[in-house]
Amino acid sequence: MPETSREIKLMVSCGSGIATSMVVVVKLKEKFAAEKLKVRIDTCSVNELSDRLGGYDIIVSTAKIPFNTTQAVFNAVPILTGVGEDALIASIIDKVKELANK
Protein backbone atom coordinates (compact mmCIF):
# COMPACT_ATOMS: atom_id res chain seq x y z
CA MET A 1 0.00 0.00 0.00
CA PRO A 2 1.48 3.42 -0.90
CA GLU A 3 2.30 5.90 1.82
CA THR A 4 0.10 8.94 2.18
CA SER A 5 1.30 12.18 0.66
CA ARG A 6 1.16 14.46 3.71
CA GLU A 7 1.33 14.06 7.44
CA ILE A 8 -2.02 14.31 9.19
CA LYS A 9 -2.19 15.93 12.62
CA LEU A 10 -4.51 14.20 15.06
CA MET A 11 -5.39 15.32 18.59
CA VAL A 12 -6.55 12.77 21.14
CA SER A 13 -8.34 14.24 24.16
CA CYS A 14 -9.75 12.86 27.38
CA GLY A 15 -10.71 14.22 30.78
CA SER A 16 -7.13 14.75 31.97
CA GLY A 17 -5.14 14.39 28.75
CA ILE A 18 -3.07 11.60 30.28
CA ALA A 19 -4.56 8.20 31.06
CA THR A 20 -7.30 7.19 28.64
CA SER A 21 -5.92 9.31 25.82
CA MET A 22 -2.68 7.32 25.98
CA VAL A 23 -4.59 4.02 25.61
CA VAL A 24 -6.18 5.44 22.46
CA VAL A 25 -2.83 6.74 21.15
CA VAL A 26 -1.14 3.34 21.51
CA LYS A 27 -3.90 1.57 19.59
CA LEU A 28 -4.06 4.21 16.85
CA LYS A 29 -0.28 4.31 16.36
CA GLU A 30 -0.24 0.55 15.86
CA LYS A 31 -3.00 0.68 13.25
CA PHE A 32 -1.53 3.71 11.44
CA ALA A 33 1.88 2.01 11.24
CA ALA A 34 0.32 -1.12 9.76
CA GLU A 35 -1.32 1.05 7.08
CA LYS A 36 1.90 3.07 6.53
CA LEU A 37 0.07 6.29 7.35
CA LYS A 38 1.98 9.40 8.37
CA VAL A 39 0.08 10.72 11.38
CA ARG A 40 1.34 12.96 14.16
CA ILE A 41 -0.63 12.31 17.34
CA ASP A 42 -0.75 14.67 20.31
CA THR A 43 -2.83 14.56 23.48
CA CYS A 44 -4.59 17.07 25.70
CA SER A 45 -7.48 17.37 28.10
CA VAL A 46 -10.93 18.34 26.83
CA ASN A 47 -10.57 21.63 28.74
CA GLU A 48 -7.39 22.47 26.75
CA LEU A 49 -8.78 21.34 23.42
CA SER A 50 -10.30 24.60 22.17
CA ASP A 51 -6.98 26.41 22.72
CA ARG A 52 -4.92 23.68 21.01
CA LEU A 53 -6.94 22.94 17.86
CA GLY A 54 -4.96 25.10 15.44
CA GLY A 55 -3.44 23.03 12.68
CA TYR A 56 -5.03 19.71 13.64
CA ASP A 57 -6.97 17.75 11.05
CA ILE A 58 -8.79 15.23 13.24
CA ILE A 59 -9.96 15.08 16.85
CA VAL A 60 -10.46 11.77 18.66
CA SER A 61 -11.94 12.21 22.13
CA THR A 62 -13.04 9.97 24.97
CA ALA A 63 -15.18 12.81 26.35
CA LYS A 64 -17.88 15.00 24.82
CA ILE A 65 -16.44 18.07 23.14
CA PRO A 66 -18.36 21.12 24.43
CA PHE A 67 -18.01 23.26 21.28
CA ASN A 68 -18.40 23.09 17.51
CA THR A 69 -15.39 22.67 15.25
CA THR A 70 -14.66 22.25 11.57
CA GLN A 71 -12.30 19.30 12.18
CA ALA A 72 -13.48 15.73 11.86
CA VAL A 73 -14.40 14.49 15.36
CA PHE A 74 -14.53 10.85 16.47
CA ASN A 75 -15.83 9.50 19.80
CA ALA A 76 -13.03 7.24 21.13
CA VAL A 77 -15.10 5.30 23.66
CA PRO A 78 -15.28 2.20 21.38
CA ILE A 79 -11.47 2.02 21.45
CA LEU A 80 -11.59 1.88 25.24
CA THR A 81 -14.44 -0.64 25.49
CA GLY A 82 -13.63 -2.75 22.44
CA VAL A 83 -17.28 -2.57 21.34
CA GLY A 84 -17.25 -1.15 17.82
CA GLU A 85 -13.48 -0.57 17.97
CA ASP A 86 -12.66 -2.05 14.55
CA ALA A 87 -15.36 -0.03 12.79
CA LEU A 88 -14.28 3.19 14.49
CA ILE A 89 -10.60 2.70 13.68
CA ALA A 90 -11.52 1.88 10.07
CA SER A 91 -13.48 5.16 9.89
CA ILE A 92 -10.55 7.13 11.33
CA ILE A 93 -8.14 5.47 8.87
CA ASP A 94 -10.48 6.31 5.97
CA LYS A 95 -10.58 9.96 7.08
CA VAL A 96 -6.77 10.09 7.43
CA LYS A 97 -6.37 8.71 3.90
CA GLU A 98 -8.95 11.15 2.52
CA LEU A 99 -7.26 14.16 4.09
CA ALA A 100 -3.72 13.01 3.29
CA ASN A 101 -4.44 12.73 -0.39
CA LYS A 102 -6.22 16.06 -0.84
PDB file of N, CA and C in Angstrom:
ATOM      1  N   MET A   1       0.848  -1.181   0.000  1.00  0.00           N
ATOM      2  CA  MET A   1       0.000   0.000   0.000  1.00  0.00           C
ATOM      3  C   MET A   1       0.894   1.245   0.000  1.00  0.00           C
ATOM      4  N   PRO A   2       0.632   2.233  -0.845  1.00  0.00           N
ATOM      5  CA  PRO A   2       1.479   3.422  -0.903  1.00  0.00           C
ATOM      6  C   PRO A   2       1.316   4.293   0.332  1.00  0.00           C
ATOM      7  N   GLU A   3       2.380   4.979   0.683  1.00  0.00           N
ATOM      8  CA  GLU A   3       2.303   5.899   1.820  1.00  0.00           C
ATOM      9  C   GLU A   3       1.474   7.113   1.436  1.00  0.00           C
ATOM     10  N   THR A   4       0.878   7.741   2.424  1.00  0.00           N
ATOM     11  CA  THR A   4       0.103   8.942   2.177  1.00  0.00           C
ATOM     12  C   THR A   4       1.034  10.085   1.814  1.00  0.00           C
ATOM     13  N   SER A   5       0.476  11.100   1.162  1.00  0.00           N
ATOM     14  CA  SER A   5       1.305  12.178   0.659  1.00  0.00           C
ATOM     15  C   SER A   5       1.648  13.248   1.694  1.00  0.00           C
ATOM     16  N   ARG A   6       0.828  13.455   2.688  1.00  0.00           N
ATOM     17  CA  ARG A   6       1.163  14.455   3.707  1.00  0.00           C
ATOM     18  C   ARG A   6       0.841  13.921   5.090  1.00  0.00           C
ATOM     19  N   GLU A   7       1.564  14.474   6.059  1.00  0.00           N
ATOM     20  CA  GLU A   7       1.330  14.059   7.443  1.00  0.00           C
ATOM     21  C   GLU A   7       0.033  14.671   7.949  1.00  0.00           C
ATOM     22  N   ILE A   8      -0.772  13.864   8.587  1.00  0.00           N
ATOM     23  CA  ILE A   8      -2.019  14.310   9.194  1.00  0.00           C
ATOM     24  C   ILE A   8      -1.762  14.540  10.671  1.00  0.00           C
ATOM     25  N   LYS A   9      -2.334  15.620  11.200  1.00  0.00           N
ATOM     26  CA  LYS A   9      -2.189  15.928  12.625  1.00  0.00           C
ATOM     27  C   LYS A   9      -3.488  15.569  13.337  1.00  0.00           C
ATOM     28  N   LEU A  10      -3.364  14.711  14.341  1.00  0.00           N
ATOM     29  CA  LEU A  10      -4.511  14.201  15.059  1.00  0.00           C
ATOM     30  C   LEU A  10      -4.348  14.507  16.549  1.00  0.00           C
ATOM     31  N   MET A  11      -5.389  15.035  17.154  1.00  0.00           N
ATOM     32  CA  MET A  11      -5.387  15.322  18.586  1.00  0.00           C
ATOM     33  C   MET A  11      -6.297  14.335  19.290  1.00  0.00           C
ATOM     34  N   VAL A  12      -5.757  13.669  20.312  1.00  0.00           N
ATOM     35  CA  VAL A  12      -6.553  12.768  21.143  1.00  0.00           C
ATOM     36  C   VAL A  12      -6.775  13.467  22.482  1.00  0.00           C
ATOM     37  N   SER A  13      -8.038  13.577  22.882  1.00  0.00           N
ATOM     38  CA  SER A  13      -8.335  14.237  24.156  1.00  0.00           C
ATOM     39  C   SER A  13      -9.142  13.317  25.059  1.00  0.00           C
ATOM     40  N   CYS A  14      -8.964  13.569  26.358  1.00  0.00           N
ATOM     41  CA  CYS A  14      -9.747  12.862  27.379  1.00  0.00           C
ATOM     42  C   CYS A  14      -9.915  13.824  28.544  1.00  0.00           C
ATOM     43  N   GLY A  15     -10.460  13.351  29.636  1.00  0.00           N
ATOM     44  CA  GLY A  15     -10.709  14.218  30.784  1.00  0.00           C
ATOM     45  C   GLY A  15      -9.465  14.907  31.298  1.00  0.00           C
ATOM     46  N   SER A  16      -8.363  14.163  31.421  1.00  0.00           N
ATOM     47  CA  SER A  16      -7.133  14.747  31.966  1.00  0.00           C
ATOM     48  C   SER A  16      -6.051  14.958  30.922  1.00  0.00           C
ATOM     49  N   GLY A  17      -6.175  14.305  29.771  1.00  0.00           N
ATOM     50  CA  GLY A  17      -5.138  14.394  28.751  1.00  0.00           C
ATOM     51  C   GLY A  17      -3.993  13.430  28.989  1.00  0.00           C
ATOM     52  N   ILE A  18      -4.164  12.508  29.926  1.00  0.00           N
ATOM     53  CA  ILE A  18      -3.071  11.603  30.275  1.00  0.00           C
ATOM     54  C   ILE A  18      -3.479  10.142  30.102  1.00  0.00           C
ATOM     55  N   ALA A  19      -4.330   9.642  30.951  1.00  0.00           N
ATOM     56  CA  ALA A  19      -4.557   8.200  31.060  1.00  0.00           C
ATOM     57  C   ALA A  19      -5.275   7.591  29.857  1.00  0.00           C
ATOM     58  N   THR A  20      -6.553   7.861  29.713  1.00  0.00           N
ATOM     59  CA  THR A  20      -7.300   7.188  28.645  1.00  0.00           C
ATOM     60  C   THR A  20      -6.854   7.641  27.265  1.00  0.00           C
ATOM     61  N   SER A  21      -6.400   8.862  27.135  1.00  0.00           N
ATOM     62  CA  SER A  21      -5.924   9.307  25.820  1.00  0.00           C
ATOM     63  C   SER A  21      -4.709   8.495  25.388  1.00  0.00           C
ATOM     64  N   MET A  22      -3.863   8.098  26.322  1.00  0.00           N
ATOM     65  CA  MET A  22      -2.676   7.317  25.977  1.00  0.00           C
ATOM     66  C   MET A  22      -3.042   5.904  25.518  1.00  0.00           C
ATOM     67  N   VAL A  23      -4.101   5.327  26.069  1.00  0.00           N
ATOM     68  CA  VAL A  23      -4.586   4.024  25.610  1.00  0.00           C
ATOM     69  C   VAL A  23      -5.009   4.140  24.149  1.00  0.00           C
ATOM     70  N   VAL A  24      -5.721   5.197  23.835  1.00  0.00           N
ATOM     71  CA  VAL A  24      -6.181   5.438  22.462  1.00  0.00           C
ATOM     72  C   VAL A  24      -4.981   5.662  21.532  1.00  0.00           C
ATOM     73  N   VAL A  25      -4.015   6.453  21.959  1.00  0.00           N
ATOM     74  CA  VAL A  25      -2.833   6.739  21.153  1.00  0.00           C
ATOM     75  C   VAL A  25      -2.094   5.455  20.789  1.00  0.00           C
ATOM     76  N   VAL A  26      -1.874   4.594  21.759  1.00  0.00           N
ATOM     77  CA  VAL A  26      -1.141   3.343  21.511  1.00  0.00           C
ATOM     78  C   VAL A  26      -1.851   2.505  20.443  1.00  0.00           C
ATOM     79  N   LYS A  27      -3.155   2.371  20.564  1.00  0.00           N
ATOM     80  CA  LYS A  27      -3.905   1.569  19.595  1.00  0.00           C
ATOM     81  C   LYS A  27      -3.890   2.212  18.207  1.00  0.00           C
ATOM     82  N   LEU A  28      -4.058   3.539  18.146  1.00  0.00           N
ATOM     83  CA  LEU A  28      -4.064   4.212  16.849  1.00  0.00           C
ATOM     84  C   LEU A  28      -2.695   4.152  16.181  1.00  0.00           C
ATOM     85  N   LYS A  29      -1.630   4.363  16.940  1.00  0.00           N
ATOM     86  CA  LYS A  29      -0.277   4.309  16.359  1.00  0.00           C
ATOM     87  C   LYS A  29      -0.013   2.955  15.720  1.00  0.00           C
ATOM     88  N   GLU A  30      -0.429   1.906  16.394  1.00  0.00           N
ATOM     89  CA  GLU A  30      -0.239   0.547  15.864  1.00  0.00           C
ATOM     90  C   GLU A  30      -0.971   0.376  14.524  1.00  0.00           C
ATOM     91  N   LYS A  31      -2.203   0.823  14.473  1.00  0.00           N
ATOM     92  CA  LYS A  31      -3.002   0.684  13.246  1.00  0.00           C
ATOM     93  C   LYS A  31      -2.468   1.575  12.122  1.00  0.00           C
ATOM     94  N   PHE A  32      -2.062   2.803  12.455  1.00  0.00           N
ATOM     95  CA  PHE A  32      -1.527   3.710  11.436  1.00  0.00           C
ATOM     96  C   PHE A  32      -0.223   3.159  10.857  1.00  0.00           C
ATOM     97  N   ALA A  33       0.613   2.592  11.705  1.00  0.00           N
ATOM     98  CA  ALA A  33       1.882   2.015  11.241  1.00  0.00           C
ATOM     99  C   ALA A  33       1.623   0.846  10.291  1.00  0.00           C
ATOM    100  N   ALA A  34       0.649   0.016  10.616  1.00  0.00           N
ATOM    101  CA  ALA A  34       0.318  -1.120   9.760  1.00  0.00           C
ATOM    102  C   ALA A  34      -0.166  -0.671   8.385  1.00  0.00           C
ATOM    103  N   GLU A  35      -0.797   0.491   8.337  1.00  0.00           N
ATOM    104  CA  GLU A  35      -1.316   1.048   7.080  1.00  0.00           C
ATOM    105  C   GLU A  35      -0.303   1.977   6.399  1.00  0.00           C
ATOM    106  N   LYS A  36       0.858   2.164   7.027  1.00  0.00           N
ATOM    107  CA  LYS A  36       1.900   3.073   6.526  1.00  0.00           C
ATOM    108  C   LYS A  36       1.389   4.507   6.359  1.00  0.00           C
ATOM    109  N   LEU A  37       0.620   4.941   7.351  1.00  0.00           N
ATOM    110  CA  LEU A  37       0.068   6.294   7.347  1.00  0.00           C
ATOM    111  C   LEU A  37       0.949   7.221   8.170  1.00  0.00           C
ATOM    112  N   LYS A  38       1.199   8.399   7.656  1.00  0.00           N
ATOM    113  CA  LYS A  38       1.985   9.402   8.374  1.00  0.00           C
ATOM    114  C   LYS A  38       1.025  10.266   9.192  1.00  0.00           C
ATOM    115  N   VAL A  39       0.991  10.006  10.491  1.00  0.00           N
ATOM    116  CA  VAL A  39       0.078  10.718  11.379  1.00  0.00           C
ATOM    117  C   VAL A  39       0.839  11.153  12.622  1.00  0.00           C
ATOM    118  N   ARG A  40       0.785  12.436  12.911  1.00  0.00           N
ATOM    119  CA  ARG A  40       1.340  12.964  14.164  1.00  0.00           C
ATOM    120  C   ARG A  40       0.196  12.992  15.166  1.00  0.00           C
ATOM    121  N   ILE A  41       0.412  12.371  16.312  1.00  0.00           N
ATOM    122  CA  ILE A  41      -0.634  12.309  17.336  1.00  0.00           C
ATOM    123  C   ILE A  41      -0.168  13.039  18.585  1.00  0.00           C
ATOM    124  N   ASP A  42      -0.995  13.965  19.054  1.00  0.00           N
ATOM    125  CA  ASP A  42      -0.749  14.673  20.307  1.00  0.00           C
ATOM    126  C   ASP A  42      -1.938  14.436  21.223  1.00  0.00           C
ATOM    127  N   THR A  43      -1.753  14.740  22.513  1.00  0.00           N
ATOM    128  CA  THR A  43      -2.834  14.558  23.480  1.00  0.00           C
ATOM    129  C   THR A  43      -3.049  15.831  24.287  1.00  0.00           C
ATOM    130  N   CYS A  44      -4.260  15.956  24.794  1.00  0.00           N
ATOM    131  CA  CYS A  44      -4.586  17.067  25.696  1.00  0.00           C
ATOM    132  C   CYS A  44      -5.880  16.725  26.433  1.00  0.00           C
ATOM    133  N   SER A  45      -6.202  17.534  27.415  1.00  0.00           N
ATOM    134  CA  SER A  45      -7.484  17.367  28.099  1.00  0.00           C
ATOM    135  C   SER A  45      -8.570  18.065  27.288  1.00  0.00           C
ATOM    136  N   VAL A  46      -9.809  17.700  27.522  1.00  0.00           N
ATOM    137  CA  VAL A  46     -10.927  18.340  26.830  1.00  0.00           C
ATOM    138  C   VAL A  46     -10.946  19.838  27.143  1.00  0.00           C
ATOM    139  N   ASN A  47     -10.586  20.208  28.370  1.00  0.00           N
ATOM    140  CA  ASN A  47     -10.567  21.630  28.741  1.00  0.00           C
ATOM    141  C   ASN A  47      -9.544  22.425  27.943  1.00  0.00           C
ATOM    142  N   GLU A  48      -8.437  21.794  27.539  1.00  0.00           N
ATOM    143  CA  GLU A  48      -7.394  22.470  26.755  1.00  0.00           C
ATOM    144  C   GLU A  48      -7.678  22.460  25.258  1.00  0.00           C
ATOM    145  N   LEU A  49      -8.592  21.613  24.838  1.00  0.00           N
ATOM    146  CA  LEU A  49      -8.781  21.336  23.424  1.00  0.00           C
ATOM    147  C   LEU A  49      -9.061  22.573  22.576  1.00  0.00           C
ATOM    148  N   SER A  50      -9.947  23.439  23.003  1.00  0.00           N
ATOM    149  CA  SER A  50     -10.302  24.599  22.172  1.00  0.00           C
ATOM    150  C   SER A  50      -9.104  25.512  21.932  1.00  0.00           C
ATOM    151  N   ASP A  51      -8.168  25.566  22.869  1.00  0.00           N
ATOM    152  CA  ASP A  51      -6.985  26.405  22.715  1.00  0.00           C
ATOM    153  C   ASP A  51      -5.885  25.734  21.896  1.00  0.00           C
ATOM    154  N   ARG A  52      -6.007  24.431  21.655  1.00  0.00           N
ATOM    155  CA  ARG A  52      -4.924  23.684  21.006  1.00  0.00           C
ATOM    156  C   ARG A  52      -5.298  23.130  19.636  1.00  0.00           C
ATOM    157  N   LEU A  53      -6.451  23.522  19.105  1.00  0.00           N
ATOM    158  CA  LEU A  53      -6.935  22.941  17.858  1.00  0.00           C
ATOM    159  C   LEU A  53      -6.203  23.390  16.603  1.00  0.00           C
ATOM    160  N   GLY A  54      -5.576  24.542  16.637  1.00  0.00           N
ATOM    161  CA  GLY A  54      -4.963  25.097  15.437  1.00  0.00           C
ATOM    162  C   GLY A  54      -4.045  24.119  14.737  1.00  0.00           C
ATOM    163  N   GLY A  55      -4.299  23.874  13.470  1.00  0.00           N
ATOM    164  CA  GLY A  55      -3.436  23.025  12.676  1.00  0.00           C
ATOM    165  C   GLY A  55      -3.745  21.540  12.740  1.00  0.00           C
ATOM    166  N   TYR A  56      -4.691  21.130  13.558  1.00  0.00           N
ATOM    167  CA  TYR A  56      -5.028  19.708  13.639  1.00  0.00           C
ATOM    168  C   TYR A  56      -6.121  19.379  12.629  1.00  0.00           C
ATOM    169  N   ASP A  57      -6.023  18.193  12.065  1.00  0.00           N
ATOM    170  CA  ASP A  57      -6.970  17.752  11.048  1.00  0.00           C
ATOM    171  C   ASP A  57      -8.118  16.941  11.630  1.00  0.00           C
ATOM    172  N   ILE A  58      -7.822  16.165  12.666  1.00  0.00           N
ATOM    173  CA  ILE A  58      -8.792  15.233  13.239  1.00  0.00           C
ATOM    174  C   ILE A  58      -8.719  15.285  14.759  1.00  0.00           C
ATOM    175  N   ILE A  59      -9.887  15.166  15.396  1.00  0.00           N
ATOM    176  CA  ILE A  59      -9.960  15.079  16.853  1.00  0.00           C
ATOM    177  C   ILE A  59     -10.571  13.727  17.203  1.00  0.00           C
ATOM    178  N   VAL A  60      -9.934  13.020  18.126  1.00  0.00           N
ATOM    179  CA  VAL A  60     -10.465  11.769  18.661  1.00  0.00           C
ATOM    180  C   VAL A  60     -10.557  11.981  20.166  1.00  0.00           C
ATOM    181  N   SER A  61     -11.759  11.871  20.722  1.00  0.00           N
ATOM    182  CA  SER A  61     -11.940  12.213  22.128  1.00  0.00           C
ATOM    183  C   SER A  61     -12.732  11.158  22.883  1.00  0.00           C
ATOM    184  N   THR A  62     -12.302  10.900  24.111  1.00  0.00           N
ATOM    185  CA  THR A  62     -13.038   9.972  24.968  1.00  0.00           C
ATOM    186  C   THR A  62     -14.152  10.690  25.720  1.00  0.00           C
ATOM    187  N   ALA A  63     -14.171  12.003  25.656  1.00  0.00           N
ATOM    188  CA  ALA A  63     -15.183  12.805  26.350  1.00  0.00           C
ATOM    189  C   ALA A  63     -15.918  13.683  25.332  1.00  0.00           C
ATOM    190  N   LYS A  64     -17.103  14.109  25.693  1.00  0.00           N
ATOM    191  CA  LYS A  64     -17.876  14.996  24.819  1.00  0.00           C
ATOM    192  C   LYS A  64     -17.144  16.323  24.658  1.00  0.00           C
ATOM    193  N   ILE A  65     -17.084  16.789  23.427  1.00  0.00           N
ATOM    194  CA  ILE A  65     -16.435  18.071  23.141  1.00  0.00           C
ATOM    195  C   ILE A  65     -17.506  19.160  23.249  1.00  0.00           C
ATOM    196  N   PRO A  66     -17.304  20.147  24.133  1.00  0.00           N
ATOM    197  CA  PRO A  66     -18.358  21.119  24.431  1.00  0.00           C
ATOM    198  C   PRO A  66     -18.415  22.320  23.486  1.00  0.00           C
ATOM    199  N   PHE A  67     -17.963  22.173  22.248  1.00  0.00           N
ATOM    200  CA  PHE A  67     -18.009  23.263  21.283  1.00  0.00           C
ATOM    201  C   PHE A  67     -18.033  22.683  19.873  1.00  0.00           C
ATOM    202  N   ASN A  68     -18.393  23.522  18.904  1.00  0.00           N
ATOM    203  CA  ASN A  68     -18.400  23.093  17.509  1.00  0.00           C
ATOM    204  C   ASN A  68     -17.036  23.342  16.890  1.00  0.00           C
ATOM    205  N   THR A  69     -16.669  22.525  15.933  1.00  0.00           N
ATOM    206  CA  THR A  69     -15.390  22.667  15.254  1.00  0.00           C
ATOM    207  C   THR A  69     -15.524  22.202  13.813  1.00  0.00           C
ATOM    208  N   THR A  70     -14.633  22.661  12.970  1.00  0.00           N
ATOM    209  CA  THR A  70     -14.655  22.246  11.566  1.00  0.00           C
ATOM    210  C   THR A  70     -13.868  20.957  11.338  1.00  0.00           C
ATOM    211  N   GLN A  71     -13.064  20.543  12.317  1.00  0.00           N
ATOM    212  CA  GLN A  71     -12.300  19.302  12.181  1.00  0.00           C
ATOM    213  C   GLN A  71     -13.218  18.081  12.285  1.00  0.00           C
ATOM    214  N   ALA A  72     -12.777  16.991  11.684  1.00  0.00           N
ATOM    215  CA  ALA A  72     -13.483  15.725  11.857  1.00  0.00           C
ATOM    216  C   ALA A  72     -13.323  15.302  13.315  1.00  0.00           C
ATOM    217  N   VAL A  73     -14.417  14.886  13.950  1.00  0.00           N
ATOM    218  CA  VAL A  73     -14.396  14.490  15.363  1.00  0.00           C
ATOM    219  C   VAL A  73     -14.908  13.055  15.484  1.00  0.00           C
ATOM    220  N   PHE A  74     -14.160  12.243  16.229  1.00  0.00           N
ATOM    221  CA  PHE A  74     -14.533  10.849  16.472  1.00  0.00           C
ATOM    222  C   PHE A  74     -14.608  10.606  17.972  1.00  0.00           C
ATOM    223  N   ASN A  75     -15.662   9.889  18.401  1.00  0.00           N
ATOM    224  CA  ASN A  75     -15.826   9.499  19.800  1.00  0.00           C
ATOM    225  C   ASN A  75     -14.974   8.245  20.033  1.00  0.00           C
ATOM    226  N   ALA A  76     -13.991   8.325  20.916  1.00  0.00           N
ATOM    227  CA  ALA A  76     -13.029   7.240  21.132  1.00  0.00           C
ATOM    228  C   ALA A  76     -13.480   6.162  22.106  1.00  0.00           C
ATOM    229  N   VAL A  77     -14.661   6.275  22.669  1.00  0.00           N
ATOM    230  CA  VAL A  77     -15.103   5.295  23.661  1.00  0.00           C
ATOM    231  C   VAL A  77     -15.037   3.856  23.127  1.00  0.00           C
ATOM    232  N   PRO A  78     -15.402   3.580  21.868  1.00  0.00           N
ATOM    233  CA  PRO A  78     -15.280   2.204  21.379  1.00  0.00           C
ATOM    234  C   PRO A  78     -13.857   1.639  21.442  1.00  0.00           C
ATOM    235  N   ILE A  79     -12.849   2.494  21.334  1.00  0.00           N
ATOM    236  CA  ILE A  79     -11.469   2.024  21.448  1.00  0.00           C
ATOM    237  C   ILE A  79     -11.179   1.593  22.878  1.00  0.00           C
ATOM    238  N   LEU A  80     -11.795   2.234  23.832  1.00  0.00           N
ATOM    239  CA  LEU A  80     -11.592   1.880  25.244  1.00  0.00           C
ATOM    240  C   LEU A  80     -12.366   0.627  25.639  1.00  0.00           C
ATOM    241  N   THR A  81     -13.580   0.489  25.096  1.00  0.00           N
ATOM    242  CA  THR A  81     -14.437  -0.636  25.488  1.00  0.00           C
ATOM    243  C   THR A  81     -14.253  -1.869  24.609  1.00  0.00           C
ATOM    244  N   GLY A  82     -13.758  -1.648  23.391  1.00  0.00           N
ATOM    245  CA  GLY A  82     -13.631  -2.748  22.441  1.00  0.00           C
ATOM    246  C   GLY A  82     -14.887  -2.981  21.625  1.00  0.00           C
ATOM    247  N   VAL A  83     -16.011  -2.401  22.046  1.00  0.00           N
ATOM    248  CA  VAL A  83     -17.280  -2.566  21.340  1.00  0.00           C
ATOM    249  C   VAL A  83     -17.346  -1.552  20.199  1.00  0.00           C
ATOM    250  N   GLY A  84     -17.249  -2.039  18.980  1.00  0.00           N
ATOM    251  CA  GLY A  84     -17.247  -1.153  17.818  1.00  0.00           C
ATOM    252  C   GLY A  84     -15.874  -0.585  17.495  1.00  0.00           C
ATOM    253  N   GLU A  85     -14.838  -1.096  18.139  1.00  0.00           N
ATOM    254  CA  GLU A  85     -13.477  -0.571  17.968  1.00  0.00           C
ATOM    255  C   GLU A  85     -12.991  -0.686  16.522  1.00  0.00           C
ATOM    256  N   ASP A  86     -13.154  -1.852  15.910  1.00  0.00           N
ATOM    257  CA  ASP A  86     -12.655  -2.048  14.548  1.00  0.00           C
ATOM    258  C   ASP A  86     -13.318  -1.091  13.562  1.00  0.00           C
ATOM    259  N   ALA A  87     -14.629  -0.925  13.687  1.00  0.00           N
ATOM    260  CA  ALA A  87     -15.359  -0.031  12.787  1.00  0.00           C
ATOM    261  C   ALA A  87     -14.912   1.418  12.973  1.00  0.00           C
ATOM    262  N   LEU A  88     -14.726   1.820  14.219  1.00  0.00           N
ATOM    263  CA  LEU A  88     -14.282   3.187  14.488  1.00  0.00           C
ATOM    264  C   LEU A  88     -12.885   3.424  13.922  1.00  0.00           C
ATOM    265  N   ILE A  89     -11.966   2.520  14.179  1.00  0.00           N
ATOM    266  CA  ILE A  89     -10.599   2.696  13.682  1.00  0.00           C
ATOM    267  C   ILE A  89     -10.589   2.705  12.161  1.00  0.00           C
ATOM    268  N   ALA A  90     -11.415   1.871  11.533  1.00  0.00           N
ATOM    269  CA  ALA A  90     -11.516   1.880  10.071  1.00  0.00           C
ATOM    270  C   ALA A  90     -12.011   3.241   9.571  1.00  0.00           C
ATOM    271  N   SER A  91     -12.972   3.835  10.274  1.00  0.00           N
ATOM    272  CA  SER A  91     -13.480   5.161   9.888  1.00  0.00           C
ATOM    273  C   SER A  91     -12.404   6.230  10.044  1.00  0.00           C
ATOM    274  N   ILE A  92     -11.633   6.164  11.120  1.00  0.00           N
ATOM    275  CA  ILE A  92     -10.552   7.128  11.334  1.00  0.00           C
ATOM    276  C   ILE A  92      -9.488   6.968  10.243  1.00  0.00           C
ATOM    277  N   ILE A  93      -9.130   5.728   9.926  1.00  0.00           N
ATOM    278  CA  ILE A  93      -8.143   5.475   8.871  1.00  0.00           C
ATOM    279  C   ILE A  93      -8.645   6.008   7.530  1.00  0.00           C
ATOM    280  N   ASP A  94      -9.913   5.790   7.225  1.00  0.00           N
ATOM    281  CA  ASP A  94     -10.484   6.314   5.972  1.00  0.00           C
ATOM    282  C   ASP A  94     -10.373   7.833   5.913  1.00  0.00           C
ATOM    283  N   LYS A  95     -10.649   8.502   7.042  1.00  0.00           N
ATOM    284  CA  LYS A  95     -10.576   9.964   7.080  1.00  0.00           C
ATOM    285  C   LYS A  95      -9.131  10.430   6.922  1.00  0.00           C
ATOM    286  N   VAL A  96      -8.192   9.750   7.566  1.00  0.00           N
ATOM    287  CA  VAL A  96      -6.767  10.087   7.426  1.00  0.00           C
ATOM    288  C   VAL A  96      -6.365   9.990   5.956  1.00  0.00           C
ATOM    289  N   LYS A  97      -6.712   8.900   5.309  1.00  0.00           N
ATOM    290  CA  LYS A  97      -6.371   8.715   3.898  1.00  0.00           C
ATOM    291  C   LYS A  97      -6.991   9.794   3.018  1.00  0.00           C
ATOM    292  N   GLU A  98      -8.253  10.108   3.283  1.00  0.00           N
ATOM    293  CA  GLU A  98      -8.948  11.147   2.521  1.00  0.00           C
ATOM    294  C   GLU A  98      -8.233  12.491   2.641  1.00  0.00           C
ATOM    295  N   LEU A  99      -7.905  12.873   3.866  1.00  0.00           N
ATOM    296  CA  LEU A  99      -7.258  14.162   4.092  1.00  0.00           C
ATOM    297  C   LEU A  99      -5.824  14.181   3.569  1.00  0.00           C
ATOM    298  N   ALA A 100      -5.122  13.079   3.689  1.00  0.00           N
ATOM    299  CA  ALA A 100      -3.719  13.014   3.288  1.00  0.00           C
ATOM    300  C   ALA A 100      -3.542  13.127   1.781  1.00  0.00           C
ATOM    301  N   ASN A 101      -4.545  12.730   1.060  1.00  0.00           N
ATOM    302  CA  ASN A 101      -4.440  12.728  -0.393  1.00  0.00           C
ATOM    303  C   ASN A 101      -5.171  13.874  -1.060  1.00  0.00           C
ATOM    304  N   LYS A 102      -5.565  14.863  -0.281  1.00  0.00           N
ATOM    305  CA  LYS A 102      -6.225  16.062  -0.835  1.00  0.00           C
ATOM    306  C   LYS A 102      -5.210  16.948  -1.491  1.00  0.00           C
TER     307      LYS A 102
END
